[in-house]
Amino acid sequence: MSSFPFGDRRGDHRTYIRKKLNIDNTGTVVYQNGTGESLVYFHGAGTWHGIGFSDQWDKYFTTYLPYHPGFGASAINPRIDSIQGYVDHYAKLFDVLGLDRVHLVGTSLGGYLAAEFAAQHGSRVNRLVLACPAGLDVKEHPPTDLSKVPPEQIPNYLVHNVSSLAPYLPEGPDEEFNAMRKKEGDSACRLLLNGKMINTAMPSTLQKIQTPTLVVWGKEDRILPVGQAGHWQQALPHCEVNIVGNAGHLVLDESETARHAVREFLLRD
């Protein structure tokens, strides 16, 4: 069997241990590497750009990189049609993996999910990192409606320097790649509220998080404007913000500065 997940063969996972677990009768794939305290990363609404940016974390942490049901190599769970469904899924996954307490990092949709998880399971989260998170309805800084962006232009909205994504993009027609994008797009759409990935009760949800939190944002984010960052800081009781220049929405993929900031925050006493 290929070491690459279906539809994302350009992402190199060969240095990771691949686990396939049955969670709620759903095949769930988790990649694991490294040693030390446990770190779990929640990816965003697309997985085609891989997880290679996490390599340096493996020197300091036992890193777990799960694919949400309906994304990447994990099967679709038709019973999950809300963020709450994913929160419940991960509570079960953590139990199966024996993860009592972790550092939790999430990007975009994954940041939204990580915040919701920390609000409900704070005793299981040591430190929390939210990278360009979705979920908060900030009317002064609305998200870009990607349904109105031509597909070939999407990479330009994800990063500041599109060359960083070039190795992961097909050079011609690719049915497998397109099938995975549809699978993930359909899964993400089930989480939308009036076309937006928001929780109208998010401000009160964030007030429940007592975990030390770092919000990292790419200054050139064209999907979720950097102006949202301050609103997250206002809503979170124990939060600091790091705005990273020369980086877009996929700030951890694109910026060594961002990855270093996350590592130093998680290693802090």
C-alpha atoms as a PDB file:
ATOM      1  CA  MET A   1       0.000   0.000   0.000  1.00  0.00           C
ATOM      2  CA  SER A   2       1.213   3.514  -0.821  1.00  0.00           C
ATOM      3  CA  SER A   3       2.659   5.546   2.043  1.00  0.00           C
ATOM      4  CA  PHE A   4       0.766   8.562   0.721  1.00  0.00           C
ATOM      5  CA  PRO A   5      -2.907   9.222   1.534  1.00  0.00           C
ATOM      6  CA  PHE A   6      -5.405   8.995  -1.282  1.00  0.00           C
ATOM      7  CA  GLY A   7      -5.439  12.224  -3.280  1.00  0.00           C
ATOM      8  CA  ASP A   8      -2.410  13.730  -1.545  1.00  0.00           C
ATOM      9  CA  ARG A   9       0.469  11.657  -2.850  1.00  0.00           C
ATOM     10  CA  ARG A  10       2.684  14.753  -3.222  1.00  0.00           C
ATOM     11  CA  GLY A  11       2.804  15.125   0.558  1.00  0.00           C
ATOM     12  CA  ASP A  12       5.595  13.012   2.025  1.00  0.00           C
ATOM     13  CA  HIS A  13       4.532  11.143   5.175  1.00  0.00           C
ATOM     14  CA  ARG A  14       7.170   8.426   5.052  1.00  0.00           C
ATOM     15  CA  THR A  15       8.957   9.479   8.247  1.00  0.00           C
ATOM     16  CA  TYR A  16       5.730   9.065  10.239  1.00  0.00           C
ATOM     17  CA  ILE A  17       4.083   6.069  11.850  1.00  0.00           C
ATOM     18  CA  ARG A  18       0.699   5.586  10.183  1.00  0.00           C
ATOM     19  CA  LYS A  19      -2.153   4.364  12.367  1.00  0.00           C
ATOM     20  CA  LYS A  20      -5.669   3.531  11.223  1.00  0.00           C
ATOM     21  CA  LEU A  21      -8.143   3.507  14.082  1.00  0.00           C
ATOM     22  CA  ASN A  22     -11.837   2.674  14.236  1.00  0.00           C
ATOM     23  CA  ILE A  23     -13.616   5.581  15.909  1.00  0.00           C
ATOM     24  CA  ASP A  24     -17.416   5.382  15.946  1.00  0.00           C
ATOM     25  CA  ASN A  25     -17.242   2.797  13.144  1.00  0.00           C
ATOM     26  CA  THR A  26     -15.213   5.214  11.031  1.00  0.00           C
ATOM     27  CA  GLY A  27     -11.710   4.498   9.743  1.00  0.00           C
ATOM     28  CA  THR A  28      -9.576   7.354  11.070  1.00  0.00           C
ATOM     29  CA  VAL A  29      -5.959   7.824   9.996  1.00  0.00           C
ATOM     30  CA  VAL A  30      -3.410   9.362  12.372  1.00  0.00           C
ATOM     31  CA  TYR A  31       0.245  10.056  11.627  1.00  0.00           C
ATOM     32  CA  GLN A  32       2.640  10.035  14.580  1.00  0.00           C
ATOM     33  CA  ASN A  33       6.273  10.999  15.016  1.00  0.00           C
ATOM     34  CA  GLY A  34       8.761  12.317  17.557  1.00  0.00           C
ATOM     35  CA  THR A  35       9.199  12.016  21.316  1.00  0.00           C
ATOM     36  CA  GLY A  36       8.318  14.149  24.319  1.00  0.00           C
ATOM     37  CA  GLU A  37       5.095  15.790  25.450  1.00  0.00           C
ATOM     38  CA  SER A  38       2.077  15.113  23.229  1.00  0.00           C
ATOM     39  CA  LEU A  39       1.148  17.635  20.545  1.00  0.00           C
ATOM     40  CA  VAL A  40      -1.958  17.196  18.397  1.00  0.00           C
ATOM     41  CA  TYR A  41      -2.438  19.185  15.192  1.00  0.00           C
ATOM     42  CA  PHE A  42      -5.898  19.822  13.704  1.00  0.00           C
ATOM     43  CA  HIS A  43      -5.628  20.596   9.982  1.00  0.00           C
ATOM     44  CA  GLY A  44      -7.848  22.977   8.027  1.00  0.00           C
ATOM     45  CA  ALA A  45     -10.424  22.353   5.299  1.00  0.00           C
ATOM     46  CA  GLY A  46      -7.840  21.091   2.798  1.00  0.00           C
ATOM     47  CA  THR A  47      -5.052  18.551   3.294  1.00  0.00           C
ATOM     48  CA  TRP A  48      -3.354  18.499  -0.115  1.00  0.00           C
ATOM     49  CA  HIS A  49      -0.411  20.648   1.027  1.00  0.00           C
ATOM     50  CA  GLY A  50       0.672  17.987   3.484  1.00  0.00           C
ATOM     51  CA  ILE A  51       2.034  18.117   7.035  1.00  0.00           C
ATOM     52  CA  GLY A  52       5.737  18.465   6.309  1.00  0.00           C
ATOM     53  CA  PHE A  53       5.959  21.759   8.206  1.00  0.00           C
ATOM     54  CA  SER A  54       5.530  19.807  11.460  1.00  0.00           C
ATOM     55  CA  ASP A  55       8.880  18.024  11.124  1.00  0.00           C
ATOM     56  CA  GLN A  56      10.712  20.365  13.492  1.00  0.00           C
ATOM     57  CA  TRP A  57       8.095  19.838  16.200  1.00  0.00           C
ATOM     58  CA  ASP A  58       9.022  16.148  16.256  1.00  0.00           C
ATOM     59  CA  LYS A  59      12.352  17.040  17.889  1.00  0.00           C
ATOM     60  CA  TYR A  60      10.526  18.299  20.965  1.00  0.00           C
ATOM     61  CA  PHE A  61       7.131  16.585  21.054  1.00  0.00           C
ATOM     62  CA  THR A  62       5.364  13.350  20.252  1.00  0.00           C
ATOM     63  CA  THR A  63       3.343  14.780  17.385  1.00  0.00           C
ATOM     64  CA  TYR A  64      -0.024  13.395  16.331  1.00  0.00           C
ATOM     65  CA  LEU A  65      -1.451  14.500  12.974  1.00  0.00           C
ATOM     66  CA  PRO A  66      -4.954  13.055  12.564  1.00  0.00           C
ATOM     67  CA  TYR A  67      -7.170  13.459   9.526  1.00  0.00           C
ATOM     68  CA  HIS A  68     -10.682  14.542  10.459  1.00  0.00           C
ATOM     69  CA  PRO A  69     -13.429  12.185   9.264  1.00  0.00           C
ATOM     70  CA  GLY A  70     -14.254  13.169   5.697  1.00  0.00           C
ATOM     71  CA  PHE A  71     -10.789  14.630   5.092  1.00  0.00           C
ATOM     72  CA  GLY A  72      -7.548  13.192   3.779  1.00  0.00           C
ATOM     73  CA  ALA A  73      -7.205   9.461   4.286  1.00  0.00           C
ATOM     74  CA  SER A  74      -9.951   9.225   6.928  1.00  0.00           C
ATOM     75  CA  ALA A  75     -13.364   7.860   5.973  1.00  0.00           C
ATOM     76  CA  ILE A  76     -16.522   9.940   5.951  1.00  0.00           C
ATOM     77  CA  ASN A  77     -18.686   9.662   9.050  1.00  0.00           C
ATOM     78  CA  PRO A  78     -22.209  10.580   7.836  1.00  0.00           C
ATOM     79  CA  ARG A  79     -23.300  11.153  11.430  1.00  0.00           C
ATOM     80  CA  ILE A  80     -20.964  14.142  11.762  1.00  0.00           C
ATOM     81  CA  ASP A  81     -22.564  17.304  10.413  1.00  0.00           C
ATOM     82  CA  SER A  82     -21.380  19.888  12.936  1.00  0.00           C
ATOM     83  CA  ILE A  83     -18.300  21.061  14.803  1.00  0.00           C
ATOM     84  CA  GLN A  84     -19.757  19.416  17.896  1.00  0.00           C
ATOM     85  CA  GLY A  85     -19.652  16.107  16.077  1.00  0.00           C
ATOM     86  CA  TYR A  86     -15.922  16.571  15.475  1.00  0.00           C
ATOM     87  CA  VAL A  87     -15.341  17.594  19.113  1.00  0.00           C
ATOM     88  CA  ASP A  88     -17.009  14.368  20.239  1.00  0.00           C
ATOM     89  CA  HIS A  89     -14.976  12.390  17.681  1.00  0.00           C
ATOM     90  CA  TYR A  90     -11.705  13.741  19.041  1.00  0.00           C
ATOM     91  CA  ALA A  91     -12.640  13.098  22.659  1.00  0.00           C
ATOM     92  CA  LYS A  92     -13.028   9.430  21.658  1.00  0.00           C
ATOM     93  CA  LEU A  93      -9.834   9.476  19.576  1.00  0.00           C
ATOM     94  CA  PHE A  94      -7.817  10.889  22.467  1.00  0.00           C
ATOM     95  CA  ASP A  95      -9.173   8.100  24.692  1.00  0.00           C
ATOM     96  CA  VAL A  96      -8.129   5.436  22.182  1.00  0.00           C
ATOM     97  CA  LEU A  97      -4.651   6.956  21.857  1.00  0.00           C
ATOM     98  CA  GLY A  98      -4.320   7.295  25.641  1.00  0.00           C
ATOM     99  CA  LEU A  99      -3.873  11.054  25.440  1.00  0.00           C
ATOM    100  CA  ASP A 100      -4.849  12.509  28.804  1.00  0.00           C
ATOM    101  CA  ARG A 101      -3.319  15.950  28.254  1.00  0.00           C
ATOM    102  CA  VAL A 102      -1.892  17.503  25.090  1.00  0.00           C
ATOM    103  CA  HIS A 103      -0.704  20.665  23.449  1.00  0.00           C
ATOM    104  CA  LEU A 104      -3.319  21.436  20.801  1.00  0.00           C
ATOM    105  CA  VAL A 105      -2.600  23.340  17.573  1.00  0.00           C
ATOM    106  CA  GLY A 106      -5.141  24.083  14.850  1.00  0.00           C
ATOM    107  CA  THR A 107      -5.218  25.995  11.564  1.00  0.00           C
ATOM    108  CA  SER A 108      -8.312  27.671  10.061  1.00  0.00           C
ATOM    109  CA  LEU A 109     -11.129  25.098  10.387  1.00  0.00           C
ATOM    110  CA  GLY A 110      -8.759  23.195  12.668  1.00  0.00           C
ATOM    111  CA  GLY A 111      -8.353  26.308  14.809  1.00  0.00           C
ATOM    112  CA  TYR A 112     -12.126  26.600  15.115  1.00  0.00           C
ATOM    113  CA  LEU A 113     -12.285  22.945  16.135  1.00  0.00           C
ATOM    114  CA  ALA A 114      -9.367  23.292  18.566  1.00  0.00           C
ATOM    115  CA  ALA A 115     -11.032  26.253  20.303  1.00  0.00           C
ATOM    116  CA  GLU A 116     -14.321  24.375  20.648  1.00  0.00           C
ATOM    117  CA  PHE A 117     -12.479  21.307  21.971  1.00  0.00           C
ATOM    118  CA  ALA A 118     -10.520  23.363  24.525  1.00  0.00           C
ATOM    119  CA  ALA A 119     -13.717  25.059  25.710  1.00  0.00           C
ATOM    120  CA  GLN A 120     -15.323  21.684  26.459  1.00  0.00           C
ATOM    121  CA  HIS A 121     -12.274  19.621  27.427  1.00  0.00           C
ATOM    122  CA  GLY A 122      -9.963  22.170  29.014  1.00  0.00           C
ATOM    123  CA  SER A 123      -8.525  19.635  31.430  1.00  0.00           C
ATOM    124  CA  ARG A 124      -7.061  17.764  28.436  1.00  0.00           C
ATOM    125  CA  VAL A 125      -5.339  20.787  26.851  1.00  0.00           C
ATOM    126  CA  ASN A 126      -2.056  22.054  28.258  1.00  0.00           C
ATOM    127  CA  ARG A 127      -1.438  24.883  25.763  1.00  0.00           C
ATOM    128  CA  LEU A 128      -3.526  25.980  22.786  1.00  0.00           C
ATOM    129  CA  VAL A 129      -2.375  27.481  19.480  1.00  0.00           C
ATOM    130  CA  LEU A 130      -4.847  28.885  16.950  1.00  0.00           C
ATOM    131  CA  ALA A 131      -3.400  29.732  13.523  1.00  0.00           C
ATOM    132  CA  CYS A 132      -5.682  32.001  11.442  1.00  0.00           C
ATOM    133  CA  PRO A 133      -8.698  30.317  13.083  1.00  0.00           C
ATOM    134  CA  ALA A 134     -12.195  30.296  11.640  1.00  0.00           C
ATOM    135  CA  GLY A 135     -15.296  30.342  13.810  1.00  0.00           C
ATOM    136  CA  LEU A 136     -15.616  33.950  15.007  1.00  0.00           C
ATOM    137  CA  ASP A 137     -18.079  36.228  13.189  1.00  0.00           C
ATOM    138  CA  VAL A 138     -16.231  39.547  12.837  1.00  0.00           C
ATOM    139  CA  LYS A 139     -18.444  41.798  10.730  1.00  0.00           C
ATOM    140  CA  GLU A 140     -15.779  44.502  10.421  1.00  0.00           C
ATOM    141  CA  HIS A 141     -13.381  41.972   8.885  1.00  0.00           C
ATOM    142  CA  PRO A 142     -15.480  39.451   6.927  1.00  0.00           C
ATOM    143  CA  PRO A 143     -13.966  36.344   5.355  1.00  0.00           C
ATOM    144  CA  THR A 144     -13.500  36.025   1.619  1.00  0.00           C
ATOM    145  CA  ASP A 145     -16.278  34.138  -0.136  1.00  0.00           C
ATOM    146  CA  LEU A 146     -14.168  31.483  -1.838  1.00  0.00           C
ATOM    147  CA  SER A 147     -17.148  30.330  -3.907  1.00  0.00           C
ATOM    148  CA  LYS A 148     -16.632  33.495  -5.941  1.00  0.00           C
ATOM    149  CA  VAL A 149     -12.895  32.903  -6.465  1.00  0.00           C
ATOM    150  CA  PRO A 150     -11.856  30.993  -9.630  1.00  0.00           C
ATOM    151  CA  PRO A 151     -10.412  27.601  -8.610  1.00  0.00           C
ATOM    152  CA  GLU A 152      -7.058  28.324 -10.259  1.00  0.00           C
ATOM    153  CA  GLN A 153      -6.724  31.408  -8.044  1.00  0.00           C
ATOM    154  CA  ILE A 154      -7.331  29.645  -4.723  1.00  0.00           C
ATOM    155  CA  PRO A 155      -3.604  28.998  -4.022  1.00  0.00           C
ATOM    156  CA  ASN A 156      -2.984  32.750  -4.243  1.00  0.00           C
ATOM    157  CA  TYR A 157      -5.491  33.238  -1.442  1.00  0.00           C
ATOM    158  CA  LEU A 158      -3.940  30.558   0.758  1.00  0.00           C
ATOM    159  CA  VAL A 159      -0.371  31.870   0.877  1.00  0.00           C
ATOM    160  CA  HIS A 160       1.553  35.079   0.330  1.00  0.00           C
ATOM    161  CA  ASN A 161       4.158  33.383  -1.867  1.00  0.00           C
ATOM    162  CA  VAL A 162       2.387  30.854  -4.063  1.00  0.00           C
ATOM    163  CA  SER A 163       5.669  29.136  -4.983  1.00  0.00           C
ATOM    164  CA  SER A 164       5.570  27.472  -1.546  1.00  0.00           C
ATOM    165  CA  LEU A 165       2.554  25.443  -2.701  1.00  0.00           C
ATOM    166  CA  ALA A 166       3.847  24.563  -6.172  1.00  0.00           C
ATOM    167  CA  PRO A 167       5.227  21.118  -5.184  1.00  0.00           C
ATOM    168  CA  TYR A 168       1.765  20.019  -4.032  1.00  0.00           C
ATOM    169  CA  LEU A 169      -0.291  21.134  -7.031  1.00  0.00           C
ATOM    170  CA  PRO A 170      -1.000  18.897 -10.035  1.00  0.00           C
ATOM    171  CA  GLU A 171       0.630  19.963 -13.272  1.00  0.00           C
ATOM    172  CA  GLY A 172      -2.295  18.718 -15.350  1.00  0.00           C
ATOM    173  CA  PRO A 173      -5.615  16.875 -15.043  1.00  0.00           C
ATOM    174  CA  ASP A 174      -5.674  14.754 -11.886  1.00  0.00           C
ATOM    175  CA  GLU A 175      -8.896  12.872 -11.143  1.00  0.00           C
ATOM    176  CA  GLU A 176      -7.625  11.573  -7.812  1.00  0.00           C
ATOM    177  CA  PHE A 177      -6.705  15.068  -6.638  1.00  0.00           C
ATOM    178  CA  ASN A 178     -10.080  16.438  -7.748  1.00  0.00           C
ATOM    179  CA  ALA A 179     -11.976  13.604  -6.034  1.00  0.00           C
ATOM    180  CA  MET A 180     -10.234  14.363  -2.743  1.00  0.00           C
ATOM    181  CA  ARG A 181     -10.965  18.069  -3.074  1.00  0.00           C
ATOM    182  CA  LYS A 182     -14.657  17.294  -3.594  1.00  0.00           C
ATOM    183  CA  LYS A 183     -14.714  14.940  -0.603  1.00  0.00           C
ATOM    184  CA  GLU A 184     -13.119  17.569   1.638  1.00  0.00           C
ATOM    185  CA  GLY A 185     -15.170  20.415   0.197  1.00  0.00           C
ATOM    186  CA  ASP A 186     -18.400  18.538   0.862  1.00  0.00           C
ATOM    187  CA  SER A 187     -17.263  17.760   4.418  1.00  0.00           C
ATOM    188  CA  ALA A 188     -16.414  21.403   5.078  1.00  0.00           C
ATOM    189  CA  CYS A 189     -19.706  22.643   3.604  1.00  0.00           C
ATOM    190  CA  ARG A 190     -21.654  20.596   6.137  1.00  0.00           C
ATOM    191  CA  LEU A 191     -20.162  22.833   8.843  1.00  0.00           C
ATOM    192  CA  LEU A 192     -21.188  26.176   7.334  1.00  0.00           C
ATOM    193  CA  LEU A 193     -23.801  28.489   8.852  1.00  0.00           C
ATOM    194  CA  ASN A 194     -25.388  30.691   6.196  1.00  0.00           C
ATOM    195  CA  GLY A 195     -22.365  30.113   4.016  1.00  0.00           C
ATOM    196  CA  LYS A 196     -19.848  30.993   6.731  1.00  0.00           C
ATOM    197  CA  MET A 197     -17.724  28.838   9.012  1.00  0.00           C
ATOM    198  CA  ILE A 198     -18.809  30.544  12.217  1.00  0.00           C
ATOM    199  CA  ASN A 199     -20.396  29.904  15.583  1.00  0.00           C
ATOM    200  CA  THR A 200     -22.622  32.807  16.582  1.00  0.00           C
ATOM    201  CA  ALA A 201     -21.994  31.886  20.228  1.00  0.00           C
ATOM    202  CA  MET A 202     -18.213  31.806  19.808  1.00  0.00           C
ATOM    203  CA  PRO A 203     -17.464  34.823  22.070  1.00  0.00           C
ATOM    204  CA  SER A 204     -19.098  33.096  25.040  1.00  0.00           C
ATOM    205  CA  THR A 205     -17.474  29.791  24.063  1.00  0.00           C
ATOM    206  CA  LEU A 206     -14.021  31.396  24.090  1.00  0.00           C
ATOM    207  CA  GLN A 207     -14.641  32.809  27.572  1.00  0.00           C
ATOM    208  CA  LYS A 208     -14.683  29.227  28.856  1.00  0.00           C
ATOM    209  CA  ILE A 209     -11.098  28.585  27.736  1.00  0.00           C
ATOM    210  CA  GLN A 210      -8.706  28.947  30.670  1.00  0.00           C
ATOM    211  CA  THR A 211      -5.809  27.393  28.752  1.00  0.00           C
ATOM    212  CA  PRO A 212      -2.809  29.621  27.830  1.00  0.00           C
ATOM    213  CA  THR A 213      -3.420  30.442  24.177  1.00  0.00           C
ATOM    214  CA  LEU A 214      -1.344  31.777  21.293  1.00  0.00           C
ATOM    215  CA  VAL A 215      -3.106  33.184  18.230  1.00  0.00           C
ATOM    216  CA  VAL A 216      -0.844  33.303  15.156  1.00  0.00           C
ATOM    217  CA  TRP A 217      -1.939  35.172  12.042  1.00  0.00           C
ATOM    218  CA  GLY A 218      -0.405  35.778   8.639  1.00  0.00           C
ATOM    219  CA  LYS A 219      -0.423  39.514   7.999  1.00  0.00           C
ATOM    220  CA  GLU A 220      -1.273  38.916   4.328  1.00  0.00           C
ATOM    221  CA  ASP A 221      -4.129  36.458   4.985  1.00  0.00           C
ATOM    222  CA  ARG A 222      -6.589  36.906   2.088  1.00  0.00           C
ATOM    223  CA  ILE A 223      -9.165  34.452   3.441  1.00  0.00           C
ATOM    224  CA  LEU A 224      -9.594  35.482   7.081  1.00  0.00           C
ATOM    225  CA  PRO A 225      -8.348  39.077   7.445  1.00  0.00           C
ATOM    226  CA  VAL A 226      -5.692  39.725  10.068  1.00  0.00           C
ATOM    227  CA  GLY A 227      -8.031  42.289  11.620  1.00  0.00           C
ATOM    228  CA  GLN A 228      -9.866  39.369  13.212  1.00  0.00           C
ATOM    229  CA  ALA A 229      -6.878  38.552  15.422  1.00  0.00           C
ATOM    230  CA  GLY A 230      -7.574  41.305  17.940  1.00  0.00           C
ATOM    231  CA  HIS A 231     -11.140  40.094  18.398  1.00  0.00           C
ATOM    232  CA  TRP A 232      -9.875  36.643  19.341  1.00  0.00           C
ATOM    233  CA  GLN A 233      -7.502  38.213  21.841  1.00  0.00           C
ATOM    234  CA  GLN A 234     -10.328  40.238  23.393  1.00  0.00           C
ATOM    235  CA  ALA A 235     -12.538  37.168  23.738  1.00  0.00           C
ATOM    236  CA  LEU A 236      -9.924  34.742  25.110  1.00  0.00           C
ATOM    237  CA  PRO A 237      -9.041  35.135  28.817  1.00  0.00           C
ATOM    238  CA  HIS A 238      -5.377  34.061  28.529  1.00  0.00           C
ATOM    239  CA  CYS A 239      -4.262  34.949  25.028  1.00  0.00           C
ATOM    240  CA  GLU A 240      -1.320  36.477  23.223  1.00  0.00           C
ATOM    241  CA  VAL A 241      -1.188  37.295  19.511  1.00  0.00           C
ATOM    242  CA  ASN A 242       1.680  37.018  17.045  1.00  0.00           C
ATOM    243  CA  ILE A 243       1.186  38.673  13.641  1.00  0.00           C
ATOM    244  CA  VAL A 244       3.615  37.220  11.096  1.00  0.00           C
ATOM    245  CA  GLY A 245       4.684  39.249   8.078  1.00  0.00           C
ATOM    246  CA  ASN A 246       5.168  37.850   4.561  1.00  0.00           C
ATOM    247  CA  ALA A 247       2.697  35.031   5.255  1.00  0.00           C
ATOM    248  CA  GLY A 248      -0.875  34.287   4.291  1.00  0.00           C
ATOM    249  CA  HIS A 249      -3.632  32.013   5.546  1.00  0.00           C
ATOM    250  CA  LEU A 250      -1.484  28.866   5.722  1.00  0.00           C
ATOM    251  CA  VAL A 251       0.881  30.662   8.050  1.00  0.00           C
ATOM    252  CA  LEU A 252       2.446  27.526   9.567  1.00  0.00           C
ATOM    253  CA  ASP A 253       3.101  26.005   6.144  1.00  0.00           C
ATOM    254  CA  GLU A 254       4.632  29.210   4.825  1.00  0.00           C
ATOM    255  CA  SER A 255       6.538  30.822   7.674  1.00  0.00           C
ATOM    256  CA  GLU A 256       9.490  29.525   9.687  1.00  0.00           C
ATOM    257  CA  THR A 257       8.941  32.538  11.970  1.00  0.00           C
ATOM    258  CA  ALA A 258       5.437  31.272  12.768  1.00  0.00           C
ATOM    259  CA  ARG A 259       6.593  27.702  13.374  1.00  0.00           C
ATOM    260  CA  HIS A 260       9.353  28.958  15.691  1.00  0.00           C
ATOM    261  CA  ALA A 261       6.850  31.093  17.636  1.00  0.00           C
ATOM    262  CA  VAL A 262       4.601  28.068  18.129  1.00  0.00           C
ATOM    263  CA  ARG A 263       7.481  25.880  19.284  1.00  0.00           C
ATOM    264  CA  GLU A 264       8.738  28.463  21.776  1.00  0.00           C
ATOM    265  CA  PHE A 265       5.232  29.045  23.157  1.00  0.00           C
ATOM    266  CA  LEU A 266       4.644  25.327  23.686  1.00  0.00           C
ATOM    267  CA  LEU A 267       8.026  24.837  25.342  1.00  0.00           C
ATOM    268  CA  ARG A 268       7.486  27.714  27.764  1.00  0.00           C
ATOM    269  CA  ASP A 269       7.374  26.793  31.464  1.00  0.00           C
END
